[in-house]
Amino acid sequence: MRKCWGASIWWPDPQGSPSTTAPQAPMSPSTPPRLPHALIGSPAFAALCLALLIGSSGSALASTPGEKVVCTDLPRSQWLSEAQARERFRASAYLLVKFKVSRGNCHEFYAIEHGGGIVEAYQHPVTGETVRMTRVPPPKAAKPR
């Protein structure tokens, strides 16, 4: 018996020789792939974009040793809470915001603007004053050919 072009149809060998391999079970039909446009606009898609942008442009946004931002040595009991820091940063004005405490004891924000630009900002954790802010403009749309 022979197998025809990967199909699960078997027929006898014209010379009558026995098959060297046993017939295989037919493959189950695969599920159709998810359409990529179904994910656009979802919170998961926005989180994925932020992760990719931060990961791919980390060297563009990260501080070099000479630019290291140091804010305070005061104890954290005197710092603003994360909610207060987000309010002063105006996090609601951005599409997605990631908050963390930097090695230099600053409140550090990574945000995506509604237009697609990326913002990295350092805030003093006690006063809420912006110590440094860096904006990366959104990528320009490709011109149709």
N, C-alpha and C. Protein backbone atom coordinates (compact mmCIF):
# COMPACT_ATOMS: atom_id res chain seq x y z
N MET A 1 0.85 -1.18 0.00
CA MET A 1 0.00 0.00 0.00
C MET A 1 0.89 1.24 0.00
N ARG A 2 0.41 2.29 -0.59
CA ARG A 2 1.15 3.55 -0.67
C ARG A 2 0.31 4.69 -0.12
N LYS A 3 1.04 5.70 0.34
CA LYS A 3 0.37 6.90 0.84
C LYS A 3 0.49 7.97 -0.25
N CYS A 4 -0.58 8.64 -0.53
CA CYS A 4 -0.63 9.61 -1.63
C CYS A 4 -0.43 11.03 -1.11
N TRP A 5 0.70 11.63 -1.39
CA TRP A 5 0.98 13.03 -1.10
C TRP A 5 0.59 13.46 0.31
N GLY A 6 0.85 12.65 1.29
CA GLY A 6 0.57 13.00 2.66
C GLY A 6 -0.88 12.82 3.05
N ALA A 7 -1.72 12.42 2.12
CA ALA A 7 -3.13 12.21 2.46
C ALA A 7 -3.27 10.88 3.17
N SER A 8 -4.37 10.69 3.83
CA SER A 8 -4.58 9.44 4.56
C SER A 8 -5.32 8.41 3.72
N ILE A 9 -5.13 8.47 2.41
CA ILE A 9 -5.76 7.51 1.50
C ILE A 9 -4.71 6.47 1.13
N TRP A 10 -5.06 5.20 1.27
CA TRP A 10 -4.12 4.12 0.98
C TRP A 10 -4.68 3.27 -0.15
N TRP A 11 -3.84 2.87 -1.06
CA TRP A 11 -4.26 1.96 -2.13
C TRP A 11 -3.19 0.90 -2.32
N PRO A 12 -3.53 -0.20 -2.92
CA PRO A 12 -2.55 -1.27 -3.10
C PRO A 12 -1.42 -0.87 -4.03
N ASP A 13 -0.25 -1.38 -3.75
CA ASP A 13 0.92 -1.15 -4.58
C ASP A 13 0.70 -1.85 -5.93
N PRO A 14 1.00 -1.18 -7.08
CA PRO A 14 0.75 -1.81 -8.37
C PRO A 14 1.57 -3.09 -8.59
N GLN A 15 2.74 -3.20 -7.99
CA GLN A 15 3.53 -4.41 -8.14
C GLN A 15 3.11 -5.49 -7.15
N GLY A 16 2.23 -5.18 -6.25
CA GLY A 16 1.76 -6.15 -5.28
C GLY A 16 2.72 -6.38 -4.14
N SER A 17 3.76 -5.52 -4.01
CA SER A 17 4.70 -5.71 -2.91
C SER A 17 4.08 -5.21 -1.61
N PRO A 18 4.44 -5.84 -0.51
CA PRO A 18 3.86 -5.39 0.76
C PRO A 18 4.41 -4.02 1.14
N SER A 19 3.63 -3.28 1.86
CA SER A 19 4.02 -1.95 2.31
C SER A 19 5.10 -2.08 3.38
N THR A 20 6.06 -1.18 3.36
CA THR A 20 7.12 -1.22 4.36
C THR A 20 6.70 -0.53 5.65
N THR A 21 5.70 0.31 5.59
CA THR A 21 5.22 0.98 6.79
C THR A 21 3.74 0.70 6.96
N ALA A 22 3.33 0.68 8.19
CA ALA A 22 1.91 0.45 8.48
C ALA A 22 1.13 1.72 8.20
N PRO A 23 -0.12 1.59 7.82
CA PRO A 23 -0.93 2.79 7.60
C PRO A 23 -1.04 3.60 8.89
N GLN A 24 -0.97 4.91 8.74
CA GLN A 24 -1.08 5.80 9.89
C GLN A 24 -2.50 6.31 10.01
N ALA A 25 -2.86 6.64 11.23
CA ALA A 25 -4.19 7.20 11.46
C ALA A 25 -4.25 8.58 10.81
N PRO A 26 -5.39 8.94 10.26
CA PRO A 26 -5.48 10.27 9.64
C PRO A 26 -5.29 11.35 10.69
N MET A 27 -4.67 12.44 10.27
CA MET A 27 -4.43 13.56 11.18
C MET A 27 -5.73 14.28 11.46
N SER A 28 -5.88 14.73 12.68
CA SER A 28 -7.09 15.48 13.02
C SER A 28 -6.98 16.88 12.41
N PRO A 29 -8.08 17.43 11.99
CA PRO A 29 -8.01 18.77 11.41
C PRO A 29 -7.58 19.77 12.48
N SER A 30 -6.71 20.67 12.10
CA SER A 30 -6.24 21.66 13.07
C SER A 30 -7.27 22.77 13.21
N THR A 31 -7.25 23.39 14.36
CA THR A 31 -8.16 24.51 14.59
C THR A 31 -7.62 25.71 13.83
N PRO A 32 -8.49 26.53 13.29
CA PRO A 32 -8.00 27.69 12.55
C PRO A 32 -7.29 28.66 13.49
N PRO A 33 -6.25 29.32 13.02
CA PRO A 33 -5.53 30.26 13.89
C PRO A 33 -6.40 31.46 14.23
N ARG A 34 -6.10 32.06 15.38
CA ARG A 34 -6.82 33.28 15.76
C ARG A 34 -6.43 34.40 14.82
N LEU A 35 -7.37 35.22 14.51
CA LEU A 35 -7.08 36.35 13.64
C LEU A 35 -6.42 37.44 14.47
N PRO A 36 -5.32 38.01 13.99
CA PRO A 36 -4.61 39.00 14.79
C PRO A 36 -5.43 40.26 15.05
N HIS A 37 -6.31 40.65 14.13
CA HIS A 37 -7.08 41.87 14.34
C HIS A 37 -8.10 41.72 15.46
N ALA A 38 -8.38 40.50 15.89
CA ALA A 38 -9.34 40.30 16.99
C ALA A 38 -8.74 40.73 18.32
N LEU A 39 -7.40 40.81 18.41
CA LEU A 39 -6.74 41.19 19.66
C LEU A 39 -6.52 42.69 19.78
N ILE A 40 -6.52 43.40 18.66
CA ILE A 40 -6.23 44.83 18.69
C ILE A 40 -7.32 45.55 19.46
N GLY A 41 -6.91 46.41 20.36
CA GLY A 41 -7.85 47.17 21.17
C GLY A 41 -8.13 46.53 22.52
N SER A 42 -7.65 45.33 22.73
CA SER A 42 -7.89 44.67 24.02
C SER A 42 -6.82 45.09 25.02
N PRO A 43 -7.11 45.01 26.32
CA PRO A 43 -6.10 45.35 27.33
C PRO A 43 -4.87 44.45 27.23
N ALA A 44 -5.05 43.21 26.84
CA ALA A 44 -3.91 42.30 26.69
C ALA A 44 -2.99 42.79 25.58
N PHE A 45 -3.56 43.31 24.51
CA PHE A 45 -2.77 43.82 23.39
C PHE A 45 -1.99 45.06 23.84
N ALA A 46 -2.63 45.94 24.60
CA ALA A 46 -1.95 47.14 25.09
C ALA A 46 -0.80 46.76 26.02
N ALA A 47 -1.02 45.78 26.89
CA ALA A 47 0.05 45.33 27.78
C ALA A 47 1.20 44.71 26.99
N LEU A 48 0.88 43.96 25.97
CA LEU A 48 1.91 43.36 25.12
C LEU A 48 2.71 44.44 24.42
N CYS A 49 2.04 45.46 23.91
CA CYS A 49 2.74 46.55 23.24
C CYS A 49 3.67 47.28 24.20
N LEU A 50 3.19 47.53 25.41
CA LEU A 50 4.03 48.21 26.39
C LEU A 50 5.26 47.37 26.71
N ALA A 51 5.06 46.09 26.92
CA ALA A 51 6.19 45.21 27.23
C ALA A 51 7.19 45.18 26.09
N LEU A 52 6.71 45.11 24.86
CA LEU A 52 7.61 45.09 23.71
C LEU A 52 8.34 46.42 23.55
N LEU A 53 7.63 47.51 23.73
CA LEU A 53 8.26 48.81 23.58
C LEU A 53 9.30 49.06 24.66
N ILE A 54 8.99 48.71 25.88
CA ILE A 54 9.95 48.90 26.96
C ILE A 54 11.14 47.97 26.77
N GLY A 55 10.86 46.73 26.40
CA GLY A 55 11.94 45.77 26.20
C GLY A 55 12.82 46.11 25.02
N SER A 56 12.23 46.55 23.92
CA SER A 56 13.02 46.83 22.73
C SER A 56 13.72 48.17 22.79
N SER A 57 13.18 49.11 23.52
CA SER A 57 13.81 50.42 23.58
C SER A 57 14.42 50.67 24.95
N GLY A 58 14.73 49.63 25.66
CA GLY A 58 15.29 49.78 27.01
C GLY A 58 16.58 50.57 27.02
N SER A 59 17.43 50.33 26.03
CA SER A 59 18.69 51.06 26.00
C SER A 59 18.47 52.53 25.66
N ALA A 60 17.41 52.83 24.92
CA ALA A 60 17.12 54.22 24.58
C ALA A 60 16.57 54.98 25.77
N LEU A 61 15.84 54.30 26.66
CA LEU A 61 15.24 54.97 27.79
C LEU A 61 16.06 54.84 29.07
N ALA A 62 16.83 53.78 29.19
CA ALA A 62 17.53 53.53 30.45
C ALA A 62 18.63 54.56 30.67
N SER A 63 18.91 54.82 31.92
CA SER A 63 19.94 55.77 32.28
C SER A 63 21.32 55.12 32.17
N THR A 64 22.26 55.89 31.67
CA THR A 64 23.64 55.43 31.69
C THR A 64 24.18 55.72 33.08
N PRO A 65 25.31 55.10 33.47
CA PRO A 65 25.83 55.35 34.82
C PRO A 65 26.07 56.83 35.10
N GLY A 66 26.44 57.61 34.10
CA GLY A 66 26.66 59.03 34.30
C GLY A 66 25.36 59.81 34.48
N GLU A 67 24.25 59.27 34.02
CA GLU A 67 22.95 59.94 34.11
C GLU A 67 22.08 59.39 35.21
N LYS A 68 22.61 58.54 36.06
CA LYS A 68 21.78 57.88 37.07
C LYS A 68 21.06 58.94 37.92
N VAL A 69 19.77 58.74 38.08
CA VAL A 69 18.94 59.68 38.82
C VAL A 69 18.80 59.19 40.25
N VAL A 70 19.23 60.02 41.20
CA VAL A 70 19.09 59.70 42.63
C VAL A 70 18.18 60.76 43.23
N CYS A 71 17.12 60.30 43.92
CA CYS A 71 16.13 61.24 44.44
C CYS A 71 16.26 61.51 45.93
N THR A 72 16.24 60.46 46.75
CA THR A 72 16.20 60.69 48.20
C THR A 72 16.78 59.52 48.97
N ASP A 73 17.16 59.82 50.21
CA ASP A 73 17.58 58.78 51.16
C ASP A 73 16.61 58.71 52.34
N LEU A 74 15.51 59.46 52.26
CA LEU A 74 14.54 59.46 53.35
C LEU A 74 13.84 58.11 53.44
N PRO A 75 13.36 57.74 54.63
CA PRO A 75 12.67 56.45 54.77
C PRO A 75 11.35 56.44 53.98
N ARG A 76 10.95 55.26 53.58
CA ARG A 76 9.74 55.12 52.75
C ARG A 76 8.47 55.51 53.49
N SER A 77 8.52 55.59 54.78
CA SER A 77 7.33 56.02 55.54
C SER A 77 6.98 57.48 55.24
N GLN A 78 7.95 58.25 54.75
CA GLN A 78 7.71 59.66 54.42
C GLN A 78 7.38 59.87 52.93
N TRP A 79 7.38 58.82 52.16
CA TRP A 79 7.13 58.92 50.72
C TRP A 79 5.64 59.04 50.43
N LEU A 80 5.32 59.56 49.24
CA LEU A 80 3.95 59.55 48.75
C LEU A 80 3.57 58.11 48.41
N SER A 81 2.29 57.80 48.53
CA SER A 81 1.84 56.46 48.14
C SER A 81 1.85 56.34 46.62
N GLU A 82 1.72 55.12 46.13
CA GLU A 82 1.69 54.92 44.68
C GLU A 82 0.49 55.64 44.06
N ALA A 83 -0.66 55.61 44.73
CA ALA A 83 -1.86 56.28 44.21
C ALA A 83 -1.64 57.79 44.12
N GLN A 84 -1.01 58.38 45.14
CA GLN A 84 -0.73 59.81 45.10
C GLN A 84 0.28 60.14 44.00
N ALA A 85 1.28 59.29 43.83
CA ALA A 85 2.29 59.52 42.79
C ALA A 85 1.66 59.42 41.41
N ARG A 86 0.78 58.43 41.21
CA ARG A 86 0.10 58.29 39.92
C ARG A 86 -0.78 59.52 39.63
N GLU A 87 -1.42 60.05 40.67
CA GLU A 87 -2.27 61.23 40.50
C GLU A 87 -1.43 62.43 40.09
N ARG A 88 -0.28 62.61 40.71
CA ARG A 88 0.59 63.74 40.36
C ARG A 88 1.20 63.57 38.97
N PHE A 89 1.42 62.32 38.58
CA PHE A 89 1.95 62.03 37.24
C PHE A 89 0.87 62.20 36.18
N ARG A 90 -0.39 62.26 36.60
CA ARG A 90 -1.56 62.33 35.72
C ARG A 90 -1.62 61.07 34.85
N ALA A 91 -1.58 59.91 35.52
CA ALA A 91 -1.58 58.62 34.84
C ALA A 91 -2.84 58.41 34.01
N SER A 92 -3.94 59.03 34.39
CA SER A 92 -5.19 58.84 33.65
C SER A 92 -5.12 59.45 32.25
N ALA A 93 -4.14 60.32 32.00
CA ALA A 93 -4.00 60.94 30.69
C ALA A 93 -3.29 60.03 29.69
N TYR A 94 -2.80 58.89 30.16
CA TYR A 94 -2.05 57.97 29.30
C TYR A 94 -2.84 56.70 29.06
N LEU A 95 -2.49 56.00 27.99
CA LEU A 95 -3.16 54.76 27.63
C LEU A 95 -2.79 53.65 28.61
N LEU A 96 -1.52 53.54 28.95
CA LEU A 96 -1.05 52.49 29.84
C LEU A 96 0.13 53.03 30.63
N VAL A 97 0.18 52.74 31.94
CA VAL A 97 1.24 53.25 32.80
C VAL A 97 1.79 52.13 33.65
N LYS A 98 3.13 52.04 33.71
CA LYS A 98 3.80 51.09 34.59
C LYS A 98 4.55 51.90 35.63
N PHE A 99 4.40 51.53 36.89
CA PHE A 99 5.01 52.24 38.01
C PHE A 99 6.01 51.32 38.69
N LYS A 100 7.16 51.88 39.08
CA LYS A 100 8.11 51.12 39.90
C LYS A 100 8.99 52.10 40.67
N VAL A 101 9.71 51.58 41.65
CA VAL A 101 10.67 52.39 42.40
C VAL A 101 12.04 52.09 41.82
N SER A 102 12.75 53.13 41.41
CA SER A 102 14.05 52.95 40.77
C SER A 102 15.13 52.68 41.81
N ARG A 103 16.31 52.31 41.33
CA ARG A 103 17.45 52.06 42.23
C ARG A 103 17.89 53.33 42.95
N GLY A 104 17.63 54.46 42.35
CA GLY A 104 18.00 55.73 42.97
C GLY A 104 16.91 56.28 43.88
N ASN A 105 15.97 55.42 44.29
CA ASN A 105 14.87 55.79 45.18
C ASN A 105 13.99 56.89 44.60
N CYS A 106 13.61 56.74 43.35
CA CYS A 106 12.66 57.63 42.69
C CYS A 106 11.43 56.83 42.32
N HIS A 107 10.32 57.53 42.16
CA HIS A 107 9.15 56.90 41.55
C HIS A 107 9.39 56.96 40.05
N GLU A 108 9.39 55.81 39.41
CA GLU A 108 9.68 55.75 37.98
C GLU A 108 8.43 55.31 37.24
N PHE A 109 8.10 56.03 36.18
CA PHE A 109 6.91 55.74 35.38
C PHE A 109 7.32 55.48 33.94
N TYR A 110 6.71 54.45 33.37
CA TYR A 110 6.79 54.20 31.93
C TYR A 110 5.35 54.26 31.44
N ALA A 111 5.11 55.07 30.41
CA ALA A 111 3.74 55.26 29.95
C ALA A 111 3.68 55.30 28.43
N ILE A 112 2.52 54.89 27.91
CA ILE A 112 2.25 54.99 26.48
C ILE A 112 1.17 56.05 26.30
N GLU A 113 1.48 57.05 25.47
CA GLU A 113 0.51 58.09 25.18
C GLU A 113 -0.53 57.56 24.20
N HIS A 114 -1.66 58.24 24.13
CA HIS A 114 -2.73 57.80 23.23
C HIS A 114 -2.29 57.85 21.76
N GLY A 115 -1.36 58.71 21.43
CA GLY A 115 -0.85 58.79 20.06
C GLY A 115 0.21 57.76 19.74
N GLY A 116 0.68 57.02 20.76
CA GLY A 116 1.68 55.98 20.53
C GLY A 116 3.07 56.31 21.04
N GLY A 117 3.29 57.52 21.52
CA GLY A 117 4.59 57.88 22.06
C GLY A 117 4.83 57.21 23.41
N ILE A 118 6.09 57.14 23.80
CA ILE A 118 6.47 56.52 25.07
C ILE A 118 7.07 57.59 25.97
N VAL A 119 6.73 57.52 27.26
CA VAL A 119 7.24 58.48 28.24
C VAL A 119 7.91 57.71 29.36
N GLU A 120 9.11 58.17 29.75
CA GLU A 120 9.79 57.67 30.94
C GLU A 120 9.95 58.87 31.86
N ALA A 121 9.47 58.76 33.09
CA ALA A 121 9.54 59.89 34.01
C ALA A 121 10.00 59.44 35.38
N TYR A 122 10.78 60.30 36.04
CA TYR A 122 11.22 60.07 37.41
C TYR A 122 10.62 61.17 38.27
N GLN A 123 9.99 60.78 39.38
CA GLN A 123 9.41 61.73 40.32
C GLN A 123 10.09 61.58 41.67
N HIS A 124 10.26 62.71 42.34
CA HIS A 124 10.77 62.68 43.70
C HIS A 124 9.68 62.06 44.58
N PRO A 125 9.99 61.02 45.35
CA PRO A 125 8.95 60.30 46.09
C PRO A 125 8.37 61.06 47.28
N VAL A 126 9.02 62.12 47.71
CA VAL A 126 8.50 62.88 48.86
C VAL A 126 7.73 64.10 48.38
N THR A 127 8.29 64.85 47.44
CA THR A 127 7.66 66.09 46.98
C THR A 127 6.73 65.88 45.79
N GLY A 128 6.94 64.82 45.01
CA GLY A 128 6.14 64.58 43.81
C GLY A 128 6.61 65.39 42.62
N GLU A 129 7.72 66.11 42.77
CA GLU A 129 8.26 66.93 41.69
C GLU A 129 8.88 66.04 40.62
N THR A 130 8.69 66.40 39.35
CA THR A 130 9.28 65.64 38.25
C THR A 130 10.77 65.95 38.19
N VAL A 131 11.58 64.92 38.35
CA VAL A 131 13.04 65.08 38.34
C VAL A 131 13.55 65.02 36.90
N ARG A 132 13.04 64.08 36.13
CA ARG A 132 13.44 63.96 34.73
C ARG A 132 12.31 63.31 33.94
N MET A 133 12.10 63.77 32.71
CA MET A 133 11.08 63.17 31.84
C MET A 133 11.67 63.06 30.44
N THR A 134 11.52 61.88 29.85
CA THR A 134 12.00 61.62 28.50
C THR A 134 10.82 61.15 27.66
N ARG A 135 10.66 61.76 26.48
CA ARG A 135 9.59 61.36 25.56
C ARG A 135 10.21 60.80 24.28
N VAL A 136 9.68 59.67 23.85
CA VAL A 136 10.06 59.09 22.56
C VAL A 136 8.83 59.22 21.67
N PRO A 137 8.95 59.95 20.55
CA PRO A 137 7.78 60.16 19.70
C PRO A 137 7.30 58.85 19.08
N PRO A 138 6.03 58.82 18.68
CA PRO A 138 5.50 57.60 18.05
C PRO A 138 6.17 57.37 16.70
N PRO A 139 6.25 56.12 16.28
CA PRO A 139 6.82 55.85 14.95
C PRO A 139 5.93 56.45 13.87
N LYS A 140 6.56 56.95 12.83
CA LYS A 140 5.80 57.54 11.73
C LYS A 140 5.21 56.44 10.88
N ALA A 141 4.01 56.68 10.40
CA ALA A 141 3.33 55.70 9.56
C ALA A 141 4.04 55.59 8.21
N ALA A 142 4.12 54.38 7.71
CA ALA A 142 4.75 54.15 6.41
C ALA A 142 3.85 54.70 5.30
N LYS A 143 4.47 55.30 4.31
CA LYS A 143 3.70 55.84 3.19
C LYS A 143 3.30 54.70 2.27
N PRO A 144 2.03 54.67 1.85
CA PRO A 144 1.61 53.61 0.93
C PRO A 144 2.27 53.79 -0.43
N ARG A 145 2.60 52.69 -1.05
CA ARG A 145 3.28 52.75 -2.36
C ARG A 145 2.30 52.66 -3.48
